[in-house]
Protein backbone atom coordinates (compact mmCIF):
# COMPACT_ATOMS: atom_id res chain seq x y z
CA MET A 1 -2.95 -5.69 23.51
CA PHE A 2 -6.19 -5.28 21.81
CA TYR A 3 -4.44 -6.11 18.35
CA TRP A 4 -3.05 -9.29 19.78
CA PHE A 5 -6.23 -10.30 21.22
CA MET A 6 -8.58 -9.73 18.15
CA LYS A 7 -5.92 -11.30 15.96
CA THR A 8 -5.40 -14.43 18.12
CA PHE A 9 -8.83 -15.06 19.69
CA VAL A 10 -11.65 -13.09 18.05
CA LEU A 11 -11.20 -12.05 14.17
CA GLY A 12 -8.25 -14.23 13.46
CA PRO A 13 -9.77 -17.58 13.84
CA VAL A 14 -12.99 -16.44 12.16
CA LEU A 15 -11.32 -14.97 9.14
CA LYS A 16 -9.14 -17.96 8.61
CA LEU A 17 -11.94 -20.29 8.96
CA LEU A 18 -13.97 -18.62 6.35
CA PHE A 19 -11.49 -17.18 3.82
CA ARG A 20 -8.73 -19.95 4.23
CA PRO A 21 -6.05 -17.61 3.12
CA TRP A 22 -3.02 -19.29 1.60
CA VAL A 23 0.33 -17.59 1.86
CA LYS A 24 3.89 -18.02 -0.11
CA GLY A 25 6.96 -16.51 1.01
CA LEU A 26 6.08 -15.61 4.86
CA ASP A 27 9.76 -16.37 5.65
CA ASN A 28 10.88 -13.06 3.52
CA VAL A 29 9.45 -10.92 6.26
CA PRO A 30 12.13 -10.30 8.87
CA ALA A 31 11.53 -11.89 12.43
CA GLU A 32 13.02 -8.67 14.07
CA GLY A 33 13.84 -5.05 12.86
CA ALA A 34 12.27 -2.48 10.70
CA ALA A 35 11.03 -2.92 7.13
CA ILE A 36 8.27 -1.83 4.92
CA LEU A 37 5.50 -4.09 3.33
CA ALA A 38 4.46 -2.62 0.38
CA SER A 39 1.39 -4.14 -1.31
CA ASN A 40 -0.91 -3.69 -4.00
CA HIS A 41 -4.25 -2.58 -2.96
CA LEU A 42 -7.27 -4.25 -4.25
CA SER A 43 -9.77 -4.03 -1.20
CA PHE A 44 -10.50 -2.45 2.09
CA SER A 45 -9.99 -5.88 3.49
CA ASP A 46 -6.50 -5.84 2.47
CA SER A 47 -5.48 -4.19 5.65
CA ILE A 48 -7.07 -7.03 7.58
CA PHE A 49 -5.93 -10.30 5.81
CA MET A 50 -2.28 -9.22 5.49
CA PRO A 51 -1.63 -8.48 9.13
CA LEU A 52 -3.73 -11.56 9.93
CA MET A 53 -1.05 -13.85 8.44
CA VAL A 54 2.12 -11.78 9.47
CA PRO A 55 3.43 -13.29 12.99
CA ARG A 56 4.74 -9.57 13.82
CA PRO A 57 2.38 -6.51 14.24
CA VAL A 58 1.98 -4.29 11.08
CA VAL A 59 1.22 -0.83 11.33
CA PHE A 60 -0.62 0.79 8.52
CA LEU A 61 -1.01 4.33 7.33
CA ALA A 62 -4.68 4.61 6.68
CA LYS A 63 -6.60 7.51 5.22
CA SER A 64 -7.46 10.35 7.59
CA GLU A 65 -11.29 9.85 6.77
CA TYR A 66 -11.29 6.78 8.67
CA PHE A 67 -10.32 8.64 11.90
CA THR A 68 -12.77 11.40 11.55
CA GLY A 69 -16.19 9.92 10.84
CA THR A 70 -19.44 11.05 12.42
CA GLY A 71 -22.25 9.25 14.12
CA LEU A 72 -22.06 5.68 15.73
CA LYS A 73 -20.57 3.71 12.58
CA GLY A 74 -17.99 6.71 12.26
CA ARG A 75 -16.98 6.59 15.76
CA LEU A 76 -16.84 2.61 15.77
CA THR A 77 -14.53 2.77 12.68
CA ALA A 78 -12.19 5.30 14.17
CA LEU A 79 -11.95 3.48 17.32
CA PHE A 80 -11.13 0.27 15.54
CA PHE A 81 -8.44 1.57 13.30
CA ARG A 82 -6.78 3.34 16.29
CA LEU A 83 -6.89 -0.25 18.34
CA THR A 84 -5.52 -2.13 15.29
CA ASN A 85 -2.32 -0.26 14.91
CA GLN A 86 -3.40 2.19 12.17
CA LEU A 87 -2.28 5.72 11.82
CA PRO A 88 -4.24 8.52 9.97
CA MET A 89 -2.51 9.81 6.78
CA ASP A 90 -3.66 13.16 5.11
CA ARG A 91 -3.45 12.89 1.43
CA SER A 92 -3.97 16.67 0.54
CA GLY A 93 -0.46 17.16 0.06
CA GLY A 94 2.21 19.56 1.44
CA ALA A 95 2.79 19.69 5.12
CA ALA A 96 0.02 17.37 5.97
CA SER A 97 1.50 14.65 3.80
CA ALA A 98 4.92 15.12 4.95
CA ALA A 99 3.53 14.87 8.58
CA SER A 100 2.29 11.59 7.54
CA LEU A 101 5.50 10.52 6.22
CA ASN A 102 7.05 11.58 9.50
CA ALA A 103 4.55 9.19 11.33
CA GLY A 104 5.85 6.38 9.03
CA MET A 105 9.31 7.33 9.88
CA ASP A 106 8.71 7.25 13.41
CA VAL A 107 7.27 3.56 13.23
CA LEU A 108 10.44 2.48 11.46
CA SER A 109 12.46 3.95 13.93
CA HIS A 110 11.00 1.70 16.47
CA GLY A 111 12.01 -1.24 14.90
CA SER A 112 8.56 -2.05 13.71
CA LEU A 113 6.80 -3.16 10.27
CA LEU A 114 5.18 -0.48 8.35
CA GLY A 115 2.45 -1.39 5.77
CA ILE A 116 2.14 0.85 2.76
CA TYR A 117 0.04 1.05 -0.57
CA PRO A 118 2.28 2.59 -3.22
CA GLU A 119 -0.74 3.21 -5.23
CA GLY A 120 -2.17 5.47 -2.80
CA THR A 121 -5.71 4.33 -3.36
CA ARG A 122 -7.59 1.06 -4.24
CA SER A 123 -7.58 -0.01 -7.62
CA PRO A 124 -10.87 0.96 -9.39
CA ASP A 125 -10.42 -2.08 -11.81
CA SER A 126 -8.28 -4.78 -10.16
CA ARG A 127 -5.12 -3.45 -12.59
CA LEU A 128 -1.92 -2.23 -10.83
CA TYR A 129 -1.33 1.63 -11.14
CA ARG A 130 1.51 3.85 -11.03
CA GLY A 131 3.12 4.12 -7.51
CA LYS A 132 3.70 7.22 -5.51
CA VAL A 133 7.23 8.09 -4.35
CA GLY A 134 6.61 8.16 -0.81
CA VAL A 135 7.37 4.67 -0.16
CA ALA A 136 10.75 5.56 -1.66
CA LYS A 137 11.25 8.26 0.42
CA LEU A 138 10.71 6.13 3.55
CA ALA A 139 12.74 3.36 2.52
CA LEU A 140 15.84 5.61 1.75
CA GLU A 141 15.49 7.81 4.61
CA ALA A 142 14.95 4.88 7.05
CA ARG A 143 17.37 2.71 5.40
CA VAL A 144 15.29 -0.30 5.58
CA PRO A 145 14.38 -2.99 3.08
CA VAL A 146 11.05 -3.06 1.24
CA ILE A 147 9.09 -6.45 1.11
CA PRO A 148 6.77 -6.33 -1.92
CA VAL A 149 3.34 -7.99 -0.99
CA ALA A 150 0.78 -9.27 -3.74
CA MET A 151 -2.71 -9.64 -2.53
CA ILE A 152 -4.64 -12.08 -4.49
CA GLY A 153 -8.53 -12.23 -4.80
CA THR A 154 -9.33 -9.76 -2.38
CA ASP A 155 -11.13 -7.59 -5.12
CA LYS A 156 -13.32 -10.59 -5.23
CA VAL A 157 -14.11 -10.80 -1.51
CA GLN A 158 -14.94 -7.28 -1.06
CA PRO A 159 -15.33 -4.99 -4.44
CA ILE A 160 -15.37 -1.20 -4.03
CA GLY A 161 -18.96 -0.13 -2.81
CA LYS A 162 -19.76 -3.59 -1.56
CA ARG A 163 -20.52 -3.74 2.22
CA MET A 164 -20.99 -7.42 2.74
CA PRO A 165 -18.13 -9.69 1.77
CA ASN A 166 -18.18 -12.39 -0.43
CA ILE A 167 -16.92 -15.73 1.19
CA ARG A 168 -14.04 -17.15 -1.01
CA ARG A 169 -10.53 -18.16 -0.46
CA ILE A 170 -7.74 -15.40 -0.84
CA GLY A 171 -4.23 -15.39 -0.82
CA MET A 172 -0.90 -13.33 -0.62
CA ILE A 173 2.76 -13.51 -1.88
CA PHE A 174 5.57 -12.19 0.09
CA GLY A 175 8.43 -11.48 -2.27
CA GLU A 176 12.20 -11.26 -1.38
CA PRO A 177 13.49 -7.95 0.46
CA LEU A 178 14.25 -5.23 -1.88
CA ASP A 179 17.68 -3.55 -0.71
CA PHE A 180 18.14 -0.03 -2.04
CA SER A 181 21.28 0.69 -0.06
CA ARG A 182 22.99 2.02 -3.40
CA TYR A 183 20.74 4.89 -2.80
CA TYR A 184 21.28 5.55 0.67
CA GLY A 185 22.03 9.39 0.92
CA MET A 186 20.20 10.22 -2.17
CA GLU A 187 16.63 10.30 -0.59
CA ASP A 188 15.93 13.91 -1.85
CA ASP A 189 16.65 13.08 -5.63
CA ARG A 190 13.44 13.07 -7.41
CA LEU A 191 14.98 10.74 -10.31
CA ILE A 192 16.15 8.31 -7.49
CA GLN A 193 12.81 8.50 -5.50
CA ARG A 194 11.05 7.38 -8.91
CA SER A 195 13.60 4.87 -9.89
CA VAL A 196 13.21 3.09 -6.46
CA THR A 197 9.15 3.13 -6.71
CA ASP A 198 9.21 1.98 -10.16
CA GLU A 199 11.56 -1.01 -8.91
CA ILE A 200 8.84 -1.82 -6.21
CA MET A 201 5.86 -1.76 -8.72
CA TYR A 202 7.49 -4.07 -11.11
CA GLU A 203 8.07 -6.66 -8.18
CA LEU A 204 4.27 -6.11 -7.40
CA MET A 205 3.28 -6.57 -10.98
CA ARG A 206 5.57 -9.79 -11.38
CA LEU A 207 3.96 -11.23 -8.17
CA SER A 208 0.64 -10.37 -8.70
CA GLY A 209 0.29 -10.99 -12.22
CA GLN A 210 -1.86 -7.86 -12.62
CA GLU A 211 -1.75 -5.60 -15.94
CA TYR A 212 -0.02 -2.56 -15.16
CA VAL A 213 -1.24 1.02 -16.06
CA ASP A 214 1.22 3.76 -16.09
CA GLU A 215 -1.07 6.30 -14.49
CA TYR A 216 -2.23 7.09 -11.06
CA ALA A 217 -5.31 5.39 -9.69
CA ALA A 218 -6.76 8.41 -8.20
CA VAL A 219 -6.65 10.06 -11.78
CA VAL A 220 -8.64 7.30 -13.11
CA LYS A 221 -11.03 7.47 -10.49
CA LEU A 222 -11.76 11.05 -10.86
CA ARG A 223 -12.07 10.61 -14.31
CA LEU A 224 -14.76 8.10 -13.97
CA ALA A 225 -16.61 10.23 -11.53
CA GLY A 226 -16.60 13.01 -14.26
CA LYS A 227 -14.38 15.14 -12.19
CA PRO A 228 -11.40 17.31 -13.32
CA THR A 229 -8.19 15.46 -13.40
CA ASP A 230 -5.57 18.55 -13.63
CA GLY A 231 -3.79 18.85 -10.35
CA PRO A 232 -1.32 17.18 -7.88
CA THR A 233 -2.67 13.66 -8.47
CA GLY A 234 -0.67 13.08 -11.29
CA ALA A 235 -2.78 14.34 -14.33
CA GLY A 236 -1.11 14.99 -17.61
CA ASP A 237 0.64 11.70 -17.35
CA LYS A 238 -1.67 9.52 -19.37
CA GLY A 239 0.57 6.57 -19.25
CA SER A 240 0.02 3.48 -21.06
CA ALA A 241 -1.78 0.21 -20.24
CA GLY A 242 0.12 -2.99 -20.34
CA ALA A 243 3.56 -1.49 -20.01
CA GLY A 244 5.79 -2.20 -17.17
CA PRO A 245 6.38 0.55 -14.57
CA SER A 246 8.63 2.44 -16.53
CA GLY A 247 5.44 3.14 -18.99
CA SER A 248 8.07 2.23 -21.78
CA GLY A 249 5.97 -0.65 -22.88
CA ASP A 250 8.68 -3.13 -21.52
CA THR A 251 8.55 -5.01 -18.25
CA SER A 252 11.44 -3.55 -16.60
CA PRO A 253 11.58 -0.39 -14.26
CA GLY A 254 13.71 1.51 -16.89
CA GLU A 255 14.63 5.29 -16.62
CA PRO A 256 12.89 7.23 -13.86
CA ARG A 257 10.10 9.75 -14.82
CA ASP A 258 8.44 12.39 -12.68
CA SER A 259 8.42 12.19 -8.98
CA GLY A 260 4.75 12.10 -8.68
CA PRO A 261 2.80 12.90 -5.29
CA GLY A 262 5.02 12.25 -2.25
CA GLU A 263 2.71 10.24 0.02
CA PRO A 264 1.87 6.52 0.72
CA GLY A 265 -1.87 6.00 1.36
CA ASN A 266 -5.03 4.02 1.54
CA ALA A 267 -8.40 4.58 0.36
């Protein structure tokens, strides 16, 4: 109820007036039934603008830190995320991440739309980074289509670290549904998980026009912060800039590579 009220009467009209979002391909989002909306991730505001333009409610997996903040701001943030159909997602790996995927499965099993950022975190430099395989696991296990969504210009509206947004027009492109039924029953195959994820990332690259970097965004953020990059975030795979999602220098998904971390996410 709160979600619908805010979208229809409060935030929705104001945001549409200020940012004048344009949309292409909205008819690719099914009018009913479960589906995954897999989006590039440029800004915190992606989780606001995309659901604003989709007629149906979209449930996002958001990083758990948004739900555990302290003080007035932290409590208000947690309340807002809960009331706007967002679920906490633990990105620490192992059983915690598996529980987050189970939460996503529960959303899909009820015939709802699930929003996911395959990169696992916001892009540090407006480029598109290697996708994590959690999105593939969900799509194959739930047996639902994946709708690639390209967010355009949200990085200019609210760059990382900027509290007050810039008022400028943004857009989004909803691609045609991706059907992975040929892989049903093979959701535990790590090579299949990587192949499906790469196909999704290729579509996001094609729709958004972003330069692709075959490296996890989380690793790049650690390196920029001067922190160690060895560990479960995908370090050791330096990848290449400007290549397709296969990392081979072409612009086709190509051969599957390592499975990468198994969780979708948000940051």
